[in-house]
Amino acid sequence: MIVATRIVLSLLAVLGAIQADIYSWVRDQVHSSSYAYVGTGILVLLVFVIGWIVGGLVGKGLQRAFKRLERAVQTRSAGELTVGAIGLLVGLLVAALLYFPVHSLPYIGDWVLLPLFMILGYGFAVVAAKKHRGILRLVGVHIVEPGTDGAEPVFSTLVDTSAIIDGRIADIVRTGFLAGELVVPEFVLKELQQVADSADPLKRNRGRRGLEVVHDLRGETRVSTPDVDFPDLPEVDAKLLKLAKERAMRILTTDYNLNRLARIQDVEILNVNELANALKPAVLPGEQFDVRLIREGKEIDQGVGYLDDGTMVVVEGGRDAIGDTVQVQVTSVLQSPSGKMIFTRLTQG
């Protein structure tokens, strides 16, 4: 893109210089045909270099614009893009109809035409894209919402930084239980990059692990990274919630606080921890099993151990058995979004 733009602008600059008969102008200045050829060659070379430099700047701008356009297209539906394109054409048509009265205006007529076409085209395209569902219904086109009868339930899922660093999302995707497109906004990637660049070795390793997870996910499913941001919102969680509400997407996370905020704001949440807890084997009061106690509990005389799946087991009267494997009996089970805790006591004998 950049090289092609440089070549095109450089050639256009040289052709413009030739068309302007730069040789005659130089000959009139130096009054010598021999020096005129040399001067013309130097000026043509200078024009070519200027075109090459300007072409590089224009090419970089076009490359960034096309990347933004590609990312925006990935997060828009076909109906939204189609109606938006029609809105653009309608806006340009309205601007064309206004050409003659505006062109006849004294002094400012010619200067107003280009902004007129740009503003009307952009305005009609944006309004049409945002109201595409209503416009399609007016012309008799019925849009079947995802999850309704006769439609395949295809969803886009926003992925939070905590879910990416957690890493279990990759395993969930491989099982096929998480269908649809995964959306990792640029502000989430920036947060991952900041964690990966942290001076704390633990945070740095977690950030790098998160970036590797995103890279691996691209090979497992469709992942888009839209270049969207909300500069007025400092927190990533607030940005995720706003984006989810604007585009009717759900959020995949392991963050307990984000989970609570999303439910308050009626945003659908997929909590990896809740899924993991739901898949753990059910333990009922009265059941007995063996567990190794590894540390003291918060209360007096308590010992704490863990099952193979990471579930915490609190044992009453187990403080003196820390370091040993003991048989316990379940007294109660506490289930919460952050995890499951099993309360037990030592069995007799």
Protein backbone atom coordinates (compact mmCIF):
# COMPACT_ATOMS: atom_id res chain seq x y z
CA MET A 1 0.00 0.00 0.00
CA ILE A 2 2.70 2.52 1.01
CA VAL A 3 5.04 1.72 -1.89
CA ALA A 4 2.20 1.79 -4.42
CA THR A 5 1.01 5.17 -3.13
CA ARG A 6 4.55 6.57 -3.33
CA ILE A 7 4.99 5.40 -6.92
CA VAL A 8 1.61 6.79 -8.03
CA LEU A 9 2.10 10.21 -6.41
CA SER A 10 5.71 10.48 -7.65
CA LEU A 11 4.67 9.70 -11.24
CA LEU A 12 1.75 12.12 -11.02
CA ALA A 13 4.11 14.84 -9.76
CA VAL A 14 6.55 14.22 -12.63
CA LEU A 15 3.75 14.15 -15.21
CA GLY A 16 2.38 17.38 -13.78
CA ALA A 17 5.79 19.01 -14.06
CA ILE A 18 6.17 17.85 -17.67
CA GLN A 19 2.67 19.03 -18.56
CA ALA A 20 3.50 22.44 -17.09
CA ASP A 21 6.37 22.66 -19.62
CA ILE A 22 8.97 23.09 -16.92
CA TYR A 23 11.75 22.96 -19.55
CA SER A 24 10.61 26.21 -21.19
CA TRP A 25 10.45 27.93 -17.82
CA VAL A 26 14.01 26.83 -16.92
CA ARG A 27 15.34 27.86 -20.36
CA ASP A 28 13.84 31.30 -19.94
CA GLN A 29 15.57 31.61 -16.58
CA VAL A 30 19.09 30.47 -17.59
CA HIS A 31 18.98 31.60 -21.28
CA SER A 32 20.89 28.46 -22.32
CA SER A 33 19.61 25.22 -23.84
CA SER A 34 22.44 23.11 -22.33
CA TYR A 35 21.87 24.35 -18.80
CA ALA A 36 18.12 24.12 -19.30
CA TYR A 37 18.27 20.33 -19.74
CA VAL A 38 20.36 19.96 -16.57
CA GLY A 39 18.09 22.27 -14.59
CA THR A 40 14.98 20.50 -15.85
CA GLY A 41 16.41 17.12 -14.84
CA ILE A 42 17.23 18.39 -11.35
CA LEU A 43 13.75 19.87 -10.89
CA VAL A 44 12.06 16.70 -12.18
CA LEU A 45 14.14 14.64 -9.74
CA LEU A 46 13.24 17.03 -6.92
CA VAL A 47 9.55 16.77 -7.80
CA PHE A 48 9.84 12.97 -7.86
CA VAL A 49 11.46 12.93 -4.39
CA ILE A 50 8.78 15.23 -2.98
CA GLY A 51 6.08 12.98 -4.45
CA TRP A 52 7.83 9.94 -2.93
CA ILE A 53 7.93 11.51 0.54
CA VAL A 54 4.35 12.78 0.42
CA GLY A 55 3.25 9.40 -0.96
CA GLY A 56 4.77 7.66 2.06
CA LEU A 57 2.80 9.85 4.46
CA VAL A 58 -0.42 9.42 2.47
CA GLY A 59 0.18 5.67 2.17
CA LYS A 60 0.59 5.26 5.93
CA GLY A 61 -2.61 7.19 6.51
CA LEU A 62 -4.49 5.05 3.97
CA GLN A 63 -3.09 1.86 5.51
CA ARG A 64 -4.30 2.85 8.98
CA ALA A 65 -7.68 3.85 7.54
CA PHE A 66 -8.09 0.51 5.76
CA LYS A 67 -7.16 -1.42 8.91
CA ARG A 68 -9.76 0.51 10.90
CA LEU A 69 -12.30 -0.14 8.16
CA GLU A 70 -11.51 -3.86 8.20
CA ARG A 71 -11.91 -4.04 11.98
CA ALA A 72 -15.17 -2.10 11.83
CA VAL A 73 -16.52 -4.43 9.14
CA GLN A 74 -15.72 -7.47 11.28
CA THR A 75 -18.00 -6.23 14.06
CA ARG A 76 -20.96 -5.19 11.85
CA SER A 77 -23.70 -7.39 10.46
CA ALA A 78 -24.34 -7.77 6.73
CA GLY A 79 -27.66 -5.95 7.05
CA GLU A 80 -26.02 -3.00 8.81
CA LEU A 81 -23.29 -2.71 6.15
CA THR A 82 -25.75 -3.00 3.26
CA VAL A 83 -28.19 -0.40 4.59
CA GLY A 84 -25.27 1.87 5.55
CA ALA A 85 -23.94 1.72 1.97
CA ILE A 86 -27.41 2.56 0.61
CA GLY A 87 -27.58 5.47 3.05
CA LEU A 88 -24.23 6.72 1.73
CA LEU A 89 -25.55 6.66 -1.85
CA VAL A 90 -28.71 8.50 -0.81
CA GLY A 91 -26.64 11.14 0.98
CA LEU A 92 -24.46 11.66 -2.11
CA LEU A 93 -27.60 11.89 -4.28
CA VAL A 94 -29.07 14.57 -2.00
CA ALA A 95 -25.76 16.46 -2.14
CA ALA A 96 -25.81 16.21 -5.96
CA LEU A 97 -29.31 17.72 -6.03
CA LEU A 98 -28.04 20.60 -3.91
CA TYR A 99 -25.05 21.13 -6.22
CA PHE A 100 -26.64 23.75 -8.48
CA PRO A 101 -28.15 26.05 -5.83
CA VAL A 102 -25.00 25.84 -3.68
CA HIS A 103 -22.64 26.28 -6.64
CA SER A 104 -24.34 29.53 -7.59
CA LEU A 105 -23.65 31.10 -4.20
CA PRO A 106 -21.22 34.03 -4.51
CA TYR A 107 -17.69 33.64 -3.09
CA ILE A 108 -18.29 30.46 -1.04
CA GLY A 109 -20.14 28.26 -3.54
CA ASP A 110 -17.12 26.28 -4.80
CA TRP A 111 -15.63 25.92 -1.32
CA VAL A 112 -18.79 24.50 0.24
CA LEU A 113 -19.34 21.69 -2.30
CA LEU A 114 -16.77 19.19 -1.02
CA PRO A 115 -17.74 19.52 2.70
CA LEU A 116 -21.39 19.27 1.62
CA PHE A 117 -20.85 15.92 -0.11
CA MET A 118 -18.74 14.58 2.78
CA ILE A 119 -21.14 15.64 5.54
CA LEU A 120 -24.33 14.45 3.82
CA GLY A 121 -22.79 11.16 2.70
CA TYR A 122 -21.38 10.39 6.15
CA GLY A 123 -24.52 11.52 7.99
CA PHE A 124 -26.92 9.45 5.89
CA ALA A 125 -24.63 6.38 6.12
CA VAL A 126 -24.35 6.55 9.93
CA VAL A 127 -28.08 7.08 10.49
CA ALA A 128 -28.99 4.29 8.06
CA ALA A 129 -26.56 1.86 9.68
CA LYS A 130 -27.85 2.57 13.19
CA LYS A 131 -31.50 2.27 12.11
CA HIS A 132 -30.96 -0.60 9.65
CA ARG A 133 -33.40 -2.95 11.38
CA GLY A 134 -36.27 -0.48 11.20
CA ILE A 135 -35.44 0.45 7.59
CA LEU A 136 -35.40 -3.21 6.52
CA ARG A 137 -38.74 -3.79 8.21
CA LEU A 138 -40.24 -0.82 6.32
CA VAL A 139 -39.33 -2.41 2.99
CA GLY A 140 -40.70 -5.77 4.07
CA VAL A 141 -37.46 -7.54 5.02
CA HIS A 142 -37.85 -9.47 8.27
CA ILE A 143 -34.72 -9.96 10.36
CA VAL A 144 -34.69 -13.14 12.41
CA GLU A 145 -32.99 -12.46 15.72
CA PRO A 146 -30.39 -14.97 16.95
CA GLY A 147 -31.91 -17.63 19.16
CA THR A 148 -35.47 -17.30 17.78
CA ASP A 149 -37.31 -20.01 15.86
CA GLY A 150 -35.81 -20.68 12.45
CA ALA A 151 -32.45 -19.07 13.17
CA GLU A 152 -29.11 -20.47 14.14
CA PRO A 153 -28.06 -19.07 17.53
CA VAL A 154 -24.87 -17.23 16.55
CA PHE A 155 -23.56 -14.85 19.19
CA SER A 156 -20.60 -12.54 19.54
CA THR A 157 -18.92 -12.74 22.93
CA LEU A 158 -16.78 -10.00 24.47
CA VAL A 159 -13.79 -11.46 26.31
CA ASP A 160 -12.54 -9.81 29.50
CA THR A 161 -8.86 -9.58 30.43
CA SER A 162 -9.37 -11.87 33.44
CA ALA A 163 -10.86 -14.64 31.26
CA ILE A 164 -7.94 -14.42 28.83
CA ILE A 165 -5.28 -14.58 31.57
CA ASP A 166 -7.19 -17.42 33.26
CA GLY A 167 -6.55 -19.51 30.12
CA ARG A 168 -9.43 -21.96 30.48
CA ILE A 169 -11.25 -20.19 27.65
CA ALA A 170 -9.05 -22.05 25.16
CA ASP A 171 -10.19 -25.42 26.55
CA ILE A 172 -13.83 -24.30 26.46
CA VAL A 173 -13.52 -23.26 22.81
CA ARG A 174 -11.95 -26.60 21.87
CA THR A 175 -14.87 -28.50 23.35
CA GLY A 176 -17.31 -26.61 21.09
CA PHE A 177 -19.51 -25.39 23.95
CA LEU A 178 -18.68 -21.73 23.21
CA ALA A 179 -20.00 -20.99 19.70
CA GLY A 180 -19.84 -17.78 17.70
CA GLU A 181 -17.24 -15.06 17.39
CA LEU A 182 -14.95 -13.97 20.22
CA VAL A 183 -14.40 -10.20 20.38
CA VAL A 184 -11.24 -8.91 22.07
CA PRO A 185 -11.33 -5.08 21.84
CA GLU A 186 -8.16 -3.07 21.44
CA PHE A 187 -8.45 -1.64 24.96
CA VAL A 188 -8.39 -5.19 26.38
CA LEU A 189 -5.26 -5.98 24.34
CA LYS A 190 -3.66 -2.77 25.61
CA GLU A 191 -4.40 -3.80 29.19
CA LEU A 192 -2.84 -7.21 28.51
CA GLN A 193 0.22 -5.48 27.04
CA GLN A 194 0.54 -3.29 30.14
CA VAL A 195 0.38 -6.36 32.38
CA ALA A 196 2.97 -8.13 30.19
CA ASP A 197 5.31 -5.11 30.51
CA SER A 198 4.91 -4.91 34.32
CA ALA A 199 7.99 -4.83 36.53
CA ASP A 200 6.41 -7.50 38.74
CA PRO A 201 7.57 -10.93 37.42
CA LEU A 202 4.28 -12.58 38.41
CA LYS A 203 2.15 -9.99 36.59
CA ARG A 204 4.51 -10.03 33.62
CA ASN A 205 4.15 -13.80 33.24
CA ARG A 206 0.37 -13.58 33.50
CA GLY A 207 0.25 -10.87 30.82
CA ARG A 208 2.43 -12.88 28.46
CA ARG A 209 0.29 -15.94 29.07
CA GLY A 210 -2.79 -13.88 28.15
CA LEU A 211 -1.23 -12.71 24.87
CA GLU A 212 -0.32 -16.32 24.04
CA VAL A 213 -3.92 -17.39 24.74
CA VAL A 214 -5.24 -14.76 22.30
CA HIS A 215 -2.75 -15.96 19.68
CA ASP A 216 -3.77 -19.60 20.18
CA LEU A 217 -7.48 -18.74 20.04
CA ARG A 218 -7.07 -17.36 16.51
CA GLY A 219 -6.29 -20.89 15.37
CA GLU A 220 -9.27 -22.39 17.19
CA THR A 221 -12.14 -20.01 16.37
CA ARG A 222 -12.96 -16.66 14.84
CA VAL A 223 -11.46 -13.84 16.90
CA SER A 224 -11.89 -10.15 16.06
CA THR A 225 -10.05 -7.23 17.64
CA PRO A 226 -12.13 -4.12 16.87
CA ASP A 227 -10.36 -0.78 17.27
CA VAL A 228 -12.95 0.77 19.56
CA ASP A 229 -12.45 2.82 22.68
CA PHE A 230 -14.32 5.09 25.06
CA PRO A 231 -11.79 7.73 26.20
CA ASP A 232 -14.31 9.21 28.64
CA LEU A 233 -14.35 5.92 30.61
CA PRO A 234 -11.09 5.22 32.49
CA GLU A 235 -11.90 1.64 33.57
CA VAL A 236 -11.75 -1.33 31.20
CA ASP A 237 -14.78 -2.91 32.91
CA ALA A 238 -16.90 0.17 32.20
CA LYS A 239 -15.78 0.14 28.56
CA LEU A 240 -16.70 -3.53 28.23
CA LEU A 241 -20.16 -2.93 29.68
CA LYS A 242 -20.82 0.02 27.39
CA LEU A 243 -19.65 -1.88 24.30
CA ALA A 244 -21.74 -4.91 25.29
CA LYS A 245 -24.88 -2.79 25.64
CA GLU A 246 -24.29 -0.88 22.40
CA ARG A 247 -23.80 -4.03 20.31
CA ALA A 248 -25.99 -6.47 22.27
CA MET A 249 -23.12 -8.80 23.13
CA ARG A 250 -22.45 -10.96 26.16
CA ILE A 251 -19.25 -10.87 28.25
CA LEU A 252 -17.02 -13.80 29.15
CA THR A 253 -15.17 -13.19 32.41
CA THR A 254 -13.88 -14.59 35.69
CA ASP A 255 -14.08 -11.22 37.47
CA TYR A 256 -16.61 -11.36 40.33
CA ASN A 257 -17.13 -7.57 40.46
CA LEU A 258 -17.68 -7.31 36.70
CA ASN A 259 -20.11 -10.20 37.00
CA ARG A 260 -22.18 -8.28 39.59
CA LEU A 261 -22.09 -4.98 37.66
CA ALA A 262 -23.15 -6.67 34.43
CA ARG A 263 -26.14 -8.34 36.05
CA ILE A 264 -27.23 -5.00 37.55
CA GLN A 265 -27.09 -3.42 34.07
CA ASP A 266 -28.87 -6.37 32.40
CA VAL A 267 -25.81 -7.45 30.41
CA GLU A 268 -25.53 -11.19 29.80
CA ILE A 269 -22.51 -12.73 31.51
CA LEU A 270 -20.70 -16.01 30.93
CA ASN A 271 -18.71 -16.71 34.10
CA VAL A 272 -15.97 -19.30 33.65
CA ASN A 273 -15.89 -19.97 37.39
CA GLU A 274 -19.61 -20.70 37.47
CA LEU A 275 -19.18 -23.12 34.57
CA ALA A 276 -16.30 -24.86 36.37
CA ASN A 277 -18.31 -25.11 39.59
CA ALA A 278 -21.29 -26.54 37.72
CA LEU A 279 -19.10 -29.28 36.28
CA LYS A 280 -17.62 -30.32 39.62
CA PRO A 281 -18.97 -33.55 41.10
CA ALA A 282 -21.79 -32.92 43.56
CA VAL A 283 -20.92 -33.52 47.20
CA LEU A 284 -23.81 -34.09 49.62
CA PRO A 285 -23.90 -33.77 53.42
CA GLY A 286 -23.03 -37.08 55.06
CA GLU A 287 -20.58 -38.23 52.35
CA GLN A 288 -17.10 -39.27 53.41
CA PHE A 289 -13.79 -38.90 51.59
CA ASP A 290 -10.07 -38.51 52.28
CA VAL A 291 -8.28 -35.17 52.08
CA ARG A 292 -4.78 -33.97 52.94
CA LEU A 293 -4.70 -30.94 55.25
CA ILE A 294 -2.09 -28.38 54.28
CA ARG A 295 -2.74 -25.29 56.41
CA GLU A 296 -4.73 -23.77 59.26
CA GLY A 297 -8.22 -22.33 58.77
CA LYS A 298 -9.51 -18.91 59.81
CA GLU A 299 -11.34 -20.24 62.85
CA ILE A 300 -9.81 -21.95 65.87
CA ASP A 301 -9.13 -25.67 65.43
CA GLN A 302 -9.81 -25.65 61.67
CA GLY A 303 -7.66 -27.30 59.02
CA VAL A 304 -7.85 -26.66 55.28
CA GLY A 305 -7.24 -28.99 52.37
CA TYR A 306 -8.12 -29.10 48.66
CA LEU A 307 -9.66 -31.64 46.33
CA ASP A 308 -8.04 -32.51 43.02
CA ASP A 309 -10.27 -30.00 41.18
CA GLY A 310 -9.20 -27.16 43.53
CA THR A 311 -12.28 -27.11 45.76
CA MET A 312 -11.47 -25.89 49.27
CA VAL A 313 -12.29 -28.29 52.13
CA VAL A 314 -12.58 -26.82 55.64
CA VAL A 315 -12.25 -29.43 58.40
CA GLU A 316 -13.49 -28.73 61.91
CA GLY A 317 -11.09 -30.10 64.49
CA GLY A 318 -8.41 -30.69 61.87
CA ARG A 319 -5.78 -28.26 63.06
CA ASP A 320 -3.72 -30.92 64.82
CA ALA A 321 -3.74 -33.10 61.66
CA ILE A 322 -2.13 -30.57 59.32
CA GLY A 323 0.25 -32.42 57.02
CA ASP A 324 -1.70 -35.69 57.30
CA THR A 325 -4.36 -37.28 55.10
CA VAL A 326 -7.55 -37.73 57.10
CA GLN A 327 -11.05 -39.07 56.49
CA VAL A 328 -13.76 -36.43 56.76
CA GLN A 329 -17.53 -36.26 56.61
CA VAL A 330 -19.38 -33.47 54.76
CA THR A 331 -21.54 -31.25 56.95
CA SER A 332 -22.46 -28.50 54.45
CA VAL A 333 -21.55 -27.05 51.05
CA LEU A 334 -21.29 -23.34 50.30
CA GLN A 335 -21.71 -22.37 46.63
CA SER A 336 -20.86 -18.86 45.39
CA PRO A 337 -19.88 -17.27 42.06
CA SER A 338 -16.26 -17.18 43.21
CA GLY A 339 -16.14 -20.91 43.99
CA LYS A 340 -17.32 -23.78 46.14
CA MET A 341 -16.35 -24.52 49.77
CA ILE A 342 -17.01 -27.83 51.52
CA PHE A 343 -17.31 -27.82 55.31
CA THR A 344 -16.54 -31.13 57.00
CA ARG A 345 -15.59 -32.71 60.32
CA LEU A 346 -13.27 -35.56 61.17
CA THR A 347 -14.92 -38.97 61.14
CA GLN A 348 -14.96 -40.97 64.34
CA GLY A 349 -12.43 -43.77 64.72
